[in-house]
């Protein structure tokens, strides 16, 4: 079996949001919506810092769909639109999604967004993967682990474009993969383990 995932080295993350912008552009994500976010932990503003001058620090938390092995979003979906594919990615069938937002409420990671309007883009600015399906108004959206790219053997855009190599992509079921070794060797952890969702995205310092 294959279980694709990402591990994130938080010590390397500089909060530049290249991952978020690469994801948005590659996947044709509409204005006002992000599939991938970078949170500044412990402060209310993105540019804020913890501590008192001159002893200041920032600690970033990249956050997107955790592609859980026991996804809460999938359990509550009334139409079966949310499913786990053969490579372990949690995906959405946009033809089945009725936009009820039950999955949005169930996700403890706040990783899903509702598409309120038809996508609006600058027609003079060409971006996005042609193979990524267009989502209609009224459906849920989220990180797909760049399904179209990873299906053809490429890395997700957030991994490819990270300037500090803070992200590692690979198969959790392959003990010799870079991601499996990184998780073992760095005492990696998952977010909100007590929720029982068994996230595949791991973090380490």
N, C-alpha and C. Protein backbone atom coordinates (compact mmCIF):
# COMPACT_ATOMS: atom_id res chain seq x y z
N UNK A 1 0.85 -1.20 0.00
CA UNK A 1 0.00 0.00 0.00
C UNK A 1 0.88 1.25 0.00
N UNK A 2 0.36 2.31 -0.56
CA UNK A 2 1.06 3.60 -0.59
C UNK A 2 0.31 4.60 0.27
N UNK A 3 1.06 5.35 1.08
CA UNK A 3 0.47 6.41 1.90
C UNK A 3 1.33 7.66 1.75
N UNK A 4 0.96 8.49 0.78
CA UNK A 4 1.74 9.69 0.50
C UNK A 4 1.51 10.74 1.59
N UNK A 5 2.56 11.46 1.93
CA UNK A 5 2.46 12.43 3.01
C UNK A 5 3.60 13.44 2.92
N UNK A 6 3.56 14.41 3.82
CA UNK A 6 4.60 15.44 3.93
C UNK A 6 5.05 15.53 5.38
N UNK A 7 6.34 15.69 5.58
CA UNK A 7 6.89 16.00 6.90
C UNK A 7 7.51 17.40 6.82
N UNK A 8 7.31 18.18 7.86
CA UNK A 8 7.74 19.58 7.86
C UNK A 8 8.72 19.84 8.99
N UNK A 9 9.88 20.36 8.64
CA UNK A 9 10.90 20.75 9.60
C UNK A 9 10.63 22.19 10.05
N UNK A 10 10.06 22.35 11.22
CA UNK A 10 9.68 23.68 11.68
C UNK A 10 10.88 24.56 11.99
N UNK A 11 11.99 23.95 12.29
CA UNK A 11 13.21 24.72 12.54
C UNK A 11 13.68 25.42 11.27
N UNK A 12 13.42 24.80 10.12
CA UNK A 12 13.83 25.39 8.85
C UNK A 12 12.82 26.40 8.30
N UNK A 13 11.56 26.31 8.73
CA UNK A 13 10.51 27.18 8.18
C UNK A 13 10.76 28.63 8.60
N UNK A 14 10.82 29.53 7.62
CA UNK A 14 11.06 30.95 7.89
C UNK A 14 9.80 31.80 7.72
N UNK A 15 8.66 31.15 7.49
CA UNK A 15 7.40 31.88 7.41
C UNK A 15 7.23 32.72 6.16
N UNK A 16 7.90 32.36 5.07
CA UNK A 16 7.86 33.17 3.85
C UNK A 16 6.57 33.01 3.05
N UNK A 17 5.83 31.93 3.33
CA UNK A 17 4.57 31.62 2.64
C UNK A 17 4.74 31.27 1.16
N UNK A 18 5.95 30.92 0.75
CA UNK A 18 6.13 30.44 -0.62
C UNK A 18 5.30 29.19 -0.86
N UNK A 19 5.18 28.34 0.15
CA UNK A 19 4.37 27.13 0.02
C UNK A 19 2.91 27.48 -0.26
N UNK A 20 2.38 28.46 0.46
CA UNK A 20 0.98 28.85 0.30
C UNK A 20 0.73 29.44 -1.09
N UNK A 21 1.64 30.30 -1.55
CA UNK A 21 1.46 30.94 -2.85
C UNK A 21 1.68 29.95 -4.00
N UNK A 22 2.65 29.05 -3.85
CA UNK A 22 2.87 28.03 -4.89
C UNK A 22 1.66 27.14 -5.03
N UNK A 23 1.10 26.75 -3.90
CA UNK A 23 -0.11 25.93 -3.89
C UNK A 23 -1.26 26.66 -4.57
N UNK A 24 -1.45 27.92 -4.20
CA UNK A 24 -2.56 28.71 -4.74
C UNK A 24 -2.47 28.85 -6.25
N UNK A 25 -1.28 29.15 -6.74
CA UNK A 25 -1.11 29.37 -8.17
C UNK A 25 -1.20 28.07 -8.96
N UNK A 26 -0.55 27.03 -8.48
CA UNK A 26 -0.54 25.76 -9.20
C UNK A 26 -1.92 25.14 -9.30
N UNK A 27 -2.72 25.29 -8.23
CA UNK A 27 -4.03 24.63 -8.19
C UNK A 27 -5.19 25.55 -8.53
N UNK A 28 -4.90 26.71 -9.10
CA UNK A 28 -5.96 27.63 -9.53
C UNK A 28 -6.93 27.96 -8.39
N UNK A 29 -6.38 28.20 -7.21
CA UNK A 29 -7.22 28.49 -6.05
C UNK A 29 -7.77 29.91 -6.17
N UNK A 30 -9.09 30.09 -6.00
CA UNK A 30 -9.71 31.40 -6.21
C UNK A 30 -9.20 32.48 -5.26
N UNK A 31 -9.45 33.74 -5.64
CA UNK A 31 -9.11 34.87 -4.78
C UNK A 31 -9.81 34.71 -3.43
N UNK A 32 -9.14 35.14 -2.38
CA UNK A 32 -9.74 35.10 -1.05
C UNK A 32 -9.72 33.73 -0.40
N UNK A 33 -9.02 32.77 -0.98
CA UNK A 33 -9.02 31.41 -0.46
C UNK A 33 -7.60 30.85 -0.48
N UNK A 34 -7.24 30.13 0.56
CA UNK A 34 -5.95 29.44 0.62
C UNK A 34 -6.17 27.99 1.01
N UNK A 35 -5.48 27.09 0.34
CA UNK A 35 -5.47 25.68 0.76
C UNK A 35 -4.36 25.43 1.76
N UNK A 36 -3.34 26.24 1.70
CA UNK A 36 -2.12 26.06 2.47
C UNK A 36 -1.84 27.37 3.20
N UNK A 37 -1.67 27.32 4.50
CA UNK A 37 -1.45 28.54 5.28
C UNK A 37 -0.19 28.40 6.13
N UNK A 38 0.35 29.53 6.55
CA UNK A 38 1.47 29.53 7.49
C UNK A 38 1.06 30.40 8.68
N UNK A 39 0.90 29.78 9.83
CA UNK A 39 0.49 30.50 11.03
C UNK A 39 1.72 30.92 11.82
N UNK A 40 1.61 32.07 12.47
CA UNK A 40 2.67 32.56 13.36
C UNK A 40 2.24 32.21 14.78
N UNK A 41 2.84 31.17 15.32
CA UNK A 41 2.39 30.59 16.58
C UNK A 41 2.59 31.53 17.76
N UNK A 42 1.55 31.65 18.57
CA UNK A 42 1.66 32.40 19.82
C UNK A 42 1.38 33.87 19.73
N UNK A 43 1.11 34.40 18.52
CA UNK A 43 0.80 35.82 18.37
C UNK A 43 -0.44 35.99 17.50
N UNK A 44 -1.05 37.16 17.58
CA UNK A 44 -2.30 37.41 16.86
C UNK A 44 -2.09 37.94 15.45
N UNK A 45 -0.90 38.41 15.13
CA UNK A 45 -0.64 38.97 13.81
C UNK A 45 0.47 38.19 13.13
N UNK A 46 0.45 38.21 11.80
CA UNK A 46 1.45 37.43 11.05
C UNK A 46 2.86 37.94 11.30
N UNK A 47 3.01 39.25 11.43
CA UNK A 47 4.34 39.84 11.60
C UNK A 47 4.75 40.00 13.06
N UNK A 48 3.90 39.52 13.97
CA UNK A 48 4.21 39.67 15.39
C UNK A 48 5.31 38.72 15.84
N UNK A 49 5.79 38.94 17.06
CA UNK A 49 6.84 38.10 17.62
C UNK A 49 6.56 37.86 19.09
N UNK A 50 7.11 36.77 19.61
CA UNK A 50 6.98 36.45 21.02
C UNK A 50 8.17 37.03 21.79
N UNK A 51 7.92 37.39 23.04
CA UNK A 51 8.99 37.90 23.89
C UNK A 51 9.02 39.41 23.94
N UNK A 52 10.05 39.94 24.56
CA UNK A 52 10.26 41.38 24.69
C UNK A 52 11.60 41.74 24.07
N UNK A 53 11.62 42.88 23.40
CA UNK A 53 12.86 43.34 22.75
C UNK A 53 13.98 43.47 23.78
N UNK A 54 15.18 43.00 23.50
CA UNK A 54 15.65 42.45 22.21
C UNK A 54 15.53 40.93 22.10
N UNK A 55 14.87 40.31 23.06
CA UNK A 55 14.75 38.85 23.07
C UNK A 55 13.44 38.43 22.42
N UNK A 56 13.41 38.51 21.10
CA UNK A 56 12.21 38.20 20.33
C UNK A 56 12.41 36.91 19.55
N UNK A 57 11.30 36.23 19.30
CA UNK A 57 11.37 35.00 18.49
C UNK A 57 10.07 34.83 17.72
N UNK A 58 10.17 34.11 16.64
CA UNK A 58 8.99 33.75 15.84
C UNK A 58 9.03 32.24 15.60
N UNK A 59 7.86 31.64 15.59
CA UNK A 59 7.76 30.20 15.39
C UNK A 59 6.57 29.96 14.47
N UNK A 60 6.82 29.38 13.32
CA UNK A 60 5.79 29.25 12.30
C UNK A 60 5.23 27.83 12.23
N UNK A 61 3.96 27.75 11.88
CA UNK A 61 3.28 26.46 11.74
C UNK A 61 2.60 26.40 10.37
N UNK A 62 3.22 25.77 9.39
CA UNK A 62 2.54 25.56 8.10
C UNK A 62 1.38 24.58 8.31
N UNK A 63 0.23 24.92 7.73
CA UNK A 63 -0.96 24.11 8.00
C UNK A 63 -1.81 23.97 6.75
N UNK A 64 -2.18 22.74 6.45
CA UNK A 64 -3.09 22.42 5.35
C UNK A 64 -3.80 21.13 5.72
N UNK A 65 -4.49 20.52 4.77
CA UNK A 65 -5.12 19.23 5.02
C UNK A 65 -4.06 18.25 5.51
N UNK A 66 -4.38 17.50 6.55
CA UNK A 66 -3.45 16.55 7.14
C UNK A 66 -3.55 15.16 6.52
N UNK A 67 -4.46 14.99 5.57
CA UNK A 67 -4.65 13.71 4.87
C UNK A 67 -4.67 12.55 5.86
N UNK A 68 -5.60 12.65 6.80
CA UNK A 68 -5.68 11.72 7.93
C UNK A 68 -6.02 10.29 7.49
N UNK A 69 -5.54 9.34 8.27
CA UNK A 69 -5.91 7.94 8.06
C UNK A 69 -7.30 7.64 8.59
N UNK A 70 -7.78 8.46 9.52
CA UNK A 70 -9.13 8.33 10.07
C UNK A 70 -9.81 9.70 10.02
N UNK A 71 -10.08 10.19 8.80
CA UNK A 71 -10.51 11.59 8.64
C UNK A 71 -11.92 11.86 9.16
N UNK A 72 -12.03 12.85 10.04
CA UNK A 72 -13.33 13.25 10.57
C UNK A 72 -14.23 13.78 9.46
N UNK A 73 -13.64 14.46 8.49
CA UNK A 73 -14.41 15.03 7.38
C UNK A 73 -15.10 13.94 6.57
N UNK A 74 -14.43 12.83 6.38
CA UNK A 74 -14.98 11.74 5.58
C UNK A 74 -16.14 11.06 6.30
N UNK A 75 -16.04 10.95 7.61
CA UNK A 75 -17.08 10.27 8.38
C UNK A 75 -18.40 11.03 8.34
N UNK A 76 -18.36 12.36 8.26
CA UNK A 76 -19.60 13.13 8.33
C UNK A 76 -20.16 13.49 6.96
N UNK A 77 -19.43 13.24 5.89
CA UNK A 77 -19.89 13.62 4.55
C UNK A 77 -21.13 12.80 4.17
N UNK A 78 -22.27 13.45 3.91
CA UNK A 78 -23.51 12.70 3.66
C UNK A 78 -23.62 12.10 2.27
N UNK A 79 -22.77 12.52 1.35
CA UNK A 79 -22.89 12.04 -0.03
C UNK A 79 -21.73 11.16 -0.48
N UNK A 80 -20.74 10.99 0.38
CA UNK A 80 -19.57 10.22 -0.02
C UNK A 80 -18.62 11.00 -0.91
N UNK A 81 -18.77 12.33 -0.93
CA UNK A 81 -17.91 13.15 -1.78
C UNK A 81 -16.46 13.15 -1.30
N UNK A 82 -16.27 13.04 0.00
CA UNK A 82 -14.92 12.96 0.55
C UNK A 82 -14.52 11.50 0.66
N UNK A 83 -13.36 11.18 0.12
CA UNK A 83 -12.92 9.78 0.10
C UNK A 83 -11.40 9.72 0.19
N UNK A 84 -10.88 8.56 0.53
CA UNK A 84 -9.43 8.33 0.53
C UNK A 84 -9.08 7.52 -0.70
N UNK A 85 -8.15 8.02 -1.50
CA UNK A 85 -7.81 7.32 -2.74
C UNK A 85 -6.77 6.22 -2.48
N UNK A 86 -6.35 5.58 -3.55
CA UNK A 86 -5.47 4.42 -3.44
C UNK A 86 -4.06 4.76 -2.97
N UNK A 87 -3.73 6.05 -2.95
CA UNK A 87 -2.41 6.48 -2.48
C UNK A 87 -2.47 7.16 -1.11
N UNK A 88 -3.62 7.03 -0.45
CA UNK A 88 -3.76 7.56 0.90
C UNK A 88 -4.12 9.02 0.99
N UNK A 89 -4.37 9.67 -0.14
CA UNK A 89 -4.74 11.08 -0.13
C UNK A 89 -6.24 11.23 0.11
N UNK A 90 -6.60 12.15 0.98
CA UNK A 90 -8.02 12.46 1.20
C UNK A 90 -8.44 13.46 0.13
N UNK A 91 -9.41 13.08 -0.68
CA UNK A 91 -9.81 13.90 -1.83
C UNK A 91 -11.30 14.21 -1.79
N UNK A 92 -11.72 15.10 -2.69
CA UNK A 92 -13.12 15.50 -2.80
C UNK A 92 -13.60 15.25 -4.22
N UNK A 93 -14.73 14.57 -4.35
CA UNK A 93 -15.40 14.41 -5.64
C UNK A 93 -16.35 15.61 -5.78
N UNK A 94 -15.96 16.57 -6.61
CA UNK A 94 -16.73 17.82 -6.71
C UNK A 94 -18.11 17.60 -7.31
N UNK A 95 -18.30 16.53 -8.06
CA UNK A 95 -19.61 16.23 -8.61
C UNK A 95 -20.58 15.75 -7.54
N UNK A 96 -20.04 15.18 -6.46
CA UNK A 96 -20.89 14.68 -5.38
C UNK A 96 -21.06 15.69 -4.25
N UNK A 97 -20.15 16.65 -4.15
CA UNK A 97 -20.18 17.61 -3.05
C UNK A 97 -21.39 18.54 -3.18
N UNK A 98 -22.17 18.65 -2.10
CA UNK A 98 -23.35 19.51 -2.10
C UNK A 98 -23.11 20.80 -1.30
N UNK A 99 -21.90 20.96 -0.80
CA UNK A 99 -21.56 22.20 -0.09
C UNK A 99 -22.24 22.37 1.25
N UNK A 100 -22.55 21.27 1.93
CA UNK A 100 -23.25 21.37 3.21
C UNK A 100 -22.34 21.87 4.34
N UNK A 101 -21.04 21.77 4.13
CA UNK A 101 -20.02 22.25 5.07
C UNK A 101 -19.94 21.46 6.37
N UNK A 102 -20.53 20.26 6.38
CA UNK A 102 -20.38 19.41 7.57
C UNK A 102 -18.92 19.00 7.77
N UNK A 103 -18.23 18.77 6.66
CA UNK A 103 -16.81 18.41 6.75
C UNK A 103 -15.98 19.56 7.30
N UNK A 104 -16.35 20.75 6.92
CA UNK A 104 -15.65 21.96 7.38
C UNK A 104 -15.76 22.08 8.90
N UNK A 105 -16.95 21.79 9.42
CA UNK A 105 -17.17 21.86 10.86
C UNK A 105 -16.46 20.73 11.59
N UNK A 106 -16.34 19.58 10.94
CA UNK A 106 -15.76 18.40 11.59
C UNK A 106 -14.24 18.43 11.63
N UNK A 107 -13.61 19.11 10.68
CA UNK A 107 -12.15 19.09 10.58
C UNK A 107 -11.51 19.86 11.74
N UNK A 108 -10.73 19.20 12.59
CA UNK A 108 -10.12 19.91 13.72
C UNK A 108 -8.96 20.81 13.32
N UNK A 109 -8.54 20.74 12.06
CA UNK A 109 -7.39 21.52 11.59
C UNK A 109 -7.81 22.76 10.79
N UNK A 110 -9.13 22.96 10.66
CA UNK A 110 -9.64 24.11 9.91
C UNK A 110 -9.01 24.17 8.52
N UNK A 111 -8.95 23.00 7.88
CA UNK A 111 -8.21 22.87 6.62
C UNK A 111 -9.08 22.97 5.38
N UNK A 112 -10.39 23.12 5.56
CA UNK A 112 -11.29 23.15 4.40
C UNK A 112 -11.90 24.52 4.23
N UNK A 113 -12.11 24.90 2.98
CA UNK A 113 -12.72 26.19 2.68
C UNK A 113 -13.90 25.98 1.74
N UNK A 114 -14.87 26.88 1.83
CA UNK A 114 -16.07 26.81 1.00
C UNK A 114 -15.94 27.80 -0.14
N UNK A 115 -16.23 27.35 -1.34
CA UNK A 115 -16.13 28.19 -2.52
C UNK A 115 -17.43 28.98 -2.68
N UNK A 116 -17.39 30.25 -2.26
CA UNK A 116 -18.59 31.08 -2.26
C UNK A 116 -18.92 31.66 -3.63
N UNK A 117 -17.95 31.76 -4.50
CA UNK A 117 -18.18 32.43 -5.78
C UNK A 117 -17.41 31.75 -6.89
N UNK A 118 -17.82 32.05 -8.11
CA UNK A 118 -17.07 31.54 -9.25
C UNK A 118 -15.66 32.13 -9.21
N UNK A 119 -14.66 31.33 -9.52
CA UNK A 119 -13.28 31.85 -9.48
C UNK A 119 -13.11 33.07 -10.37
N UNK A 120 -12.41 34.08 -9.84
CA UNK A 120 -12.09 35.28 -10.61
C UNK A 120 -10.59 35.43 -10.65
N UNK A 121 -10.04 35.48 -11.84
CA UNK A 121 -8.60 35.60 -11.98
C UNK A 121 -8.27 36.69 -12.99
N UNK A 122 -7.06 37.16 -12.94
CA UNK A 122 -6.57 38.12 -13.92
C UNK A 122 -6.38 37.38 -15.24
N UNK A 123 -7.21 37.68 -16.22
CA UNK A 123 -7.15 36.95 -17.49
C UNK A 123 -5.86 37.19 -18.25
N UNK A 124 -5.15 38.25 -17.89
CA UNK A 124 -3.89 38.53 -18.57
C UNK A 124 -2.69 37.87 -17.91
N UNK A 125 -2.95 37.10 -16.85
CA UNK A 125 -1.86 36.47 -16.11
C UNK A 125 -2.07 34.97 -16.13
N UNK A 126 -1.24 34.27 -16.87
CA UNK A 126 -1.41 32.84 -17.05
C UNK A 126 -0.73 32.07 -15.93
N UNK A 127 -1.49 31.32 -15.17
CA UNK A 127 -0.91 30.47 -14.13
C UNK A 127 -1.82 29.29 -13.89
N UNK A 128 -1.29 28.30 -13.18
CA UNK A 128 -2.08 27.13 -12.82
C UNK A 128 -1.82 25.94 -13.72
N UNK A 129 -1.99 24.77 -13.14
CA UNK A 129 -1.84 23.52 -13.89
C UNK A 129 -3.09 23.29 -14.73
N UNK A 130 -2.90 23.05 -16.01
CA UNK A 130 -4.04 22.81 -16.89
C UNK A 130 -4.79 21.54 -16.50
N UNK A 131 -4.09 20.60 -15.86
CA UNK A 131 -4.71 19.32 -15.51
C UNK A 131 -5.56 19.39 -14.24
N UNK A 132 -5.45 20.48 -13.48
CA UNK A 132 -6.22 20.60 -12.24
C UNK A 132 -7.66 20.97 -12.57
N UNK A 133 -8.64 20.19 -12.10
CA UNK A 133 -10.04 20.49 -12.45
C UNK A 133 -10.53 21.79 -11.84
N UNK A 134 -11.37 22.50 -12.57
CA UNK A 134 -11.97 23.73 -12.05
C UNK A 134 -13.09 23.37 -11.10
N UNK A 135 -13.13 24.04 -9.96
CA UNK A 135 -14.17 23.77 -8.98
C UNK A 135 -15.31 24.78 -9.13
N UNK A 136 -16.55 24.31 -9.14
CA UNK A 136 -17.68 25.24 -9.28
C UNK A 136 -17.99 25.93 -7.95
N UNK A 137 -18.74 26.99 -8.03
CA UNK A 137 -19.22 27.66 -6.83
C UNK A 137 -20.08 26.69 -6.01
N UNK A 138 -19.94 26.76 -4.69
CA UNK A 138 -20.81 25.96 -3.82
C UNK A 138 -20.25 24.63 -3.38
N UNK A 139 -18.95 24.40 -3.60
CA UNK A 139 -18.35 23.14 -3.14
C UNK A 139 -17.23 23.44 -2.15
N UNK A 140 -16.81 22.41 -1.45
CA UNK A 140 -15.68 22.53 -0.53
C UNK A 140 -14.38 22.35 -1.30
N UNK A 141 -13.33 23.00 -0.81
CA UNK A 141 -12.00 22.85 -1.40
C UNK A 141 -10.97 22.66 -0.30
N UNK A 142 -9.83 22.07 -0.67
CA UNK A 142 -8.74 21.86 0.27
C UNK A 142 -7.52 21.36 -0.48
N UNK A 143 -6.41 21.22 0.25
CA UNK A 143 -5.19 20.63 -0.32
C UNK A 143 -5.48 19.23 -0.84
N UNK A 144 -5.00 18.96 -2.05
CA UNK A 144 -5.15 17.63 -2.66
C UNK A 144 -3.83 16.87 -2.68
N UNK A 145 -2.82 17.41 -2.03
CA UNK A 145 -1.45 16.91 -2.12
C UNK A 145 -1.01 16.94 -3.58
N UNK A 146 -1.47 17.99 -4.29
CA UNK A 146 -1.15 18.17 -5.71
C UNK A 146 -1.34 16.86 -6.48
N UNK A 147 -2.56 16.33 -6.41
CA UNK A 147 -2.86 15.02 -6.98
C UNK A 147 -2.38 14.85 -8.41
N UNK A 148 -2.62 15.85 -9.23
CA UNK A 148 -2.24 15.74 -10.64
C UNK A 148 -0.72 15.65 -10.79
N UNK A 149 0.00 16.39 -10.00
CA UNK A 149 1.47 16.35 -10.05
C UNK A 149 2.00 15.04 -9.48
N UNK A 150 1.51 14.66 -8.31
CA UNK A 150 2.04 13.46 -7.66
C UNK A 150 1.65 12.19 -8.40
N UNK A 151 0.55 12.21 -9.12
CA UNK A 151 0.17 11.05 -9.93
C UNK A 151 1.18 10.79 -11.04
N UNK A 152 1.83 11.85 -11.51
CA UNK A 152 2.82 11.65 -12.57
C UNK A 152 4.26 11.61 -12.02
N UNK A 153 4.38 11.51 -10.71
CA UNK A 153 5.68 11.31 -10.11
C UNK A 153 6.40 12.56 -9.65
N UNK A 154 5.76 13.73 -9.75
CA UNK A 154 6.38 14.97 -9.30
C UNK A 154 6.06 15.22 -7.82
N UNK A 155 6.80 16.12 -7.21
CA UNK A 155 6.52 16.53 -5.84
C UNK A 155 5.39 17.55 -5.81
N UNK A 156 4.68 17.67 -4.69
CA UNK A 156 3.74 18.78 -4.53
C UNK A 156 4.48 20.11 -4.68
N UNK A 157 3.77 21.13 -5.16
CA UNK A 157 4.42 22.42 -5.40
C UNK A 157 4.99 23.04 -4.13
N UNK A 158 4.32 22.84 -3.00
CA UNK A 158 4.83 23.42 -1.75
C UNK A 158 6.18 22.82 -1.38
N UNK A 159 6.37 21.55 -1.71
CA UNK A 159 7.64 20.88 -1.42
C UNK A 159 8.70 21.34 -2.41
N UNK A 160 8.34 21.38 -3.67
CA UNK A 160 9.30 21.74 -4.72
C UNK A 160 9.85 23.15 -4.54
N UNK A 161 8.99 24.09 -4.12
CA UNK A 161 9.38 25.49 -4.10
C UNK A 161 9.83 26.03 -2.75
N UNK A 162 9.83 25.22 -1.71
CA UNK A 162 10.26 25.71 -0.40
C UNK A 162 11.73 26.11 -0.46
N UNK A 163 12.05 27.38 -0.17
CA UNK A 163 13.43 27.85 -0.34
C UNK A 163 14.40 27.31 0.70
N UNK A 164 13.89 26.76 1.80
CA UNK A 164 14.78 26.25 2.85
C UNK A 164 14.73 24.73 2.96
N UNK A 165 14.05 24.08 2.01
CA UNK A 165 13.91 22.61 2.04
C UNK A 165 13.33 22.13 3.37
N UNK A 166 12.32 22.85 3.85
CA UNK A 166 11.70 22.49 5.12
C UNK A 166 10.69 21.36 4.99
N UNK A 167 10.36 20.98 3.75
CA UNK A 167 9.33 19.96 3.52
C UNK A 167 9.92 18.72 2.87
N UNK A 168 9.48 17.57 3.36
CA UNK A 168 9.89 16.29 2.80
C UNK A 168 8.64 15.53 2.39
N UNK A 169 8.62 15.05 1.15
CA UNK A 169 7.46 14.35 0.60
C UNK A 169 7.83 12.90 0.33
N UNK A 170 6.88 12.00 0.55
CA UNK A 170 7.16 10.61 0.22
C UNK A 170 6.11 9.66 0.74
N UNK A 171 6.45 8.38 0.73
CA UNK A 171 5.54 7.29 1.09
C UNK A 171 5.82 6.83 2.51
N UNK A 172 4.84 6.98 3.39
CA UNK A 172 5.01 6.55 4.77
C UNK A 172 5.14 5.04 4.89
N UNK A 173 4.61 4.30 3.92
CA UNK A 173 4.67 2.84 3.98
C UNK A 173 5.98 2.28 3.44
N UNK A 174 6.84 3.15 2.95
CA UNK A 174 8.18 2.72 2.53
C UNK A 174 9.16 3.10 3.64
N UNK A 175 9.64 2.13 4.42
CA UNK A 175 10.51 2.45 5.55
C UNK A 175 11.84 3.09 5.15
N UNK A 176 12.21 2.95 3.88
CA UNK A 176 13.47 3.52 3.41
C UNK A 176 13.31 4.88 2.73
N UNK A 177 12.09 5.39 2.68
CA UNK A 177 11.86 6.69 2.04
C UNK A 177 12.43 7.81 2.90
N UNK A 178 12.71 8.94 2.26
CA UNK A 178 13.25 10.09 2.99
C UNK A 178 12.32 10.53 4.11
N UNK A 179 11.02 10.49 3.85
CA UNK A 179 10.07 10.96 4.86
C UNK A 179 10.03 10.01 6.05
N UNK A 180 10.07 8.71 5.79
CA UNK A 180 10.05 7.74 6.89
C UNK A 180 11.29 7.87 7.76
N UNK A 181 12.43 8.06 7.13
CA UNK A 181 13.68 8.22 7.88
C UNK A 181 13.65 9.51 8.71
N UNK A 182 13.15 10.59 8.10
CA UNK A 182 13.08 11.87 8.82
C UNK A 182 12.19 11.77 10.05
N UNK A 183 11.07 11.08 9.91
CA UNK A 183 10.14 10.92 11.03
C UNK A 183 10.79 10.11 12.15
N UNK A 184 11.46 9.02 11.78
CA UNK A 184 12.12 8.18 12.79
C UNK A 184 13.27 8.90 13.49
N UNK A 185 14.09 9.58 12.72
CA UNK A 185 15.33 10.15 13.25
C UNK A 185 15.13 11.46 14.00
N UNK A 186 13.97 12.10 13.82
CA UNK A 186 13.75 13.42 14.42
C UNK A 186 12.61 13.46 15.42
N UNK A 187 12.15 12.27 15.84
CA UNK A 187 11.07 12.22 16.83
C UNK A 187 9.89 13.08 16.40
N UNK A 188 9.46 12.90 15.17
CA UNK A 188 8.39 13.72 14.60
C UNK A 188 7.06 13.47 15.32
N UNK A 189 6.19 14.45 15.20
CA UNK A 189 4.89 14.37 15.87
C UNK A 189 3.80 14.83 14.91
N UNK A 190 2.55 14.56 15.28
CA UNK A 190 1.40 15.01 14.51
C UNK A 190 0.61 16.01 15.35
N UNK A 191 -0.24 16.78 14.69
CA UNK A 191 -1.06 17.77 15.38
C UNK A 191 -2.34 17.15 15.92
N UNK A 192 -2.72 17.57 17.10
CA UNK A 192 -3.99 17.16 17.72
C UNK A 192 -4.16 15.65 17.71
N UNK A 193 -3.15 14.96 18.19
CA UNK A 193 -3.18 13.49 18.19
C UNK A 193 -4.37 12.95 18.98
N UNK A 194 -4.79 13.69 20.01
CA UNK A 194 -5.89 13.25 20.86
C UNK A 194 -7.23 13.19 20.13
N UNK A 195 -7.33 13.81 18.95
CA UNK A 195 -8.58 13.79 18.19
C UNK A 195 -8.82 12.45 17.49
N UNK A 196 -7.81 11.62 17.41
CA UNK A 196 -7.98 10.30 16.83
C UNK A 196 -8.08 10.26 15.32
N UNK A 197 -7.68 11.33 14.65
CA UNK A 197 -7.80 11.37 13.18
C UNK A 197 -6.60 10.73 12.48
N UNK A 198 -5.54 10.49 13.19
CA UNK A 198 -4.32 9.88 12.67
C UNK A 198 -3.79 10.61 11.42
N UNK A 199 -3.35 11.85 11.60
CA UNK A 199 -2.84 12.63 10.46
C UNK A 199 -1.59 11.99 9.85
N UNK A 200 -1.46 12.15 8.55
CA UNK A 200 -0.25 11.66 7.88
C UNK A 200 0.82 12.75 7.78
N UNK A 201 0.43 14.00 7.91
CA UNK A 201 1.41 15.09 7.91
C UNK A 201 2.11 15.11 9.27
N UNK A 202 3.44 15.09 9.24
CA UNK A 202 4.24 15.08 10.46
C UNK A 202 5.07 16.36 10.56
N UNK A 203 5.42 16.71 11.79
CA UNK A 203 6.25 17.88 12.06
C UNK A 203 7.42 17.48 12.94
N UNK A 204 8.53 18.17 12.76
CA UNK A 204 9.67 17.97 13.65
C UNK A 204 10.47 19.26 13.72
N UNK A 205 11.38 19.32 14.68
CA UNK A 205 12.16 20.55 14.93
C UNK A 205 13.54 20.44 14.30
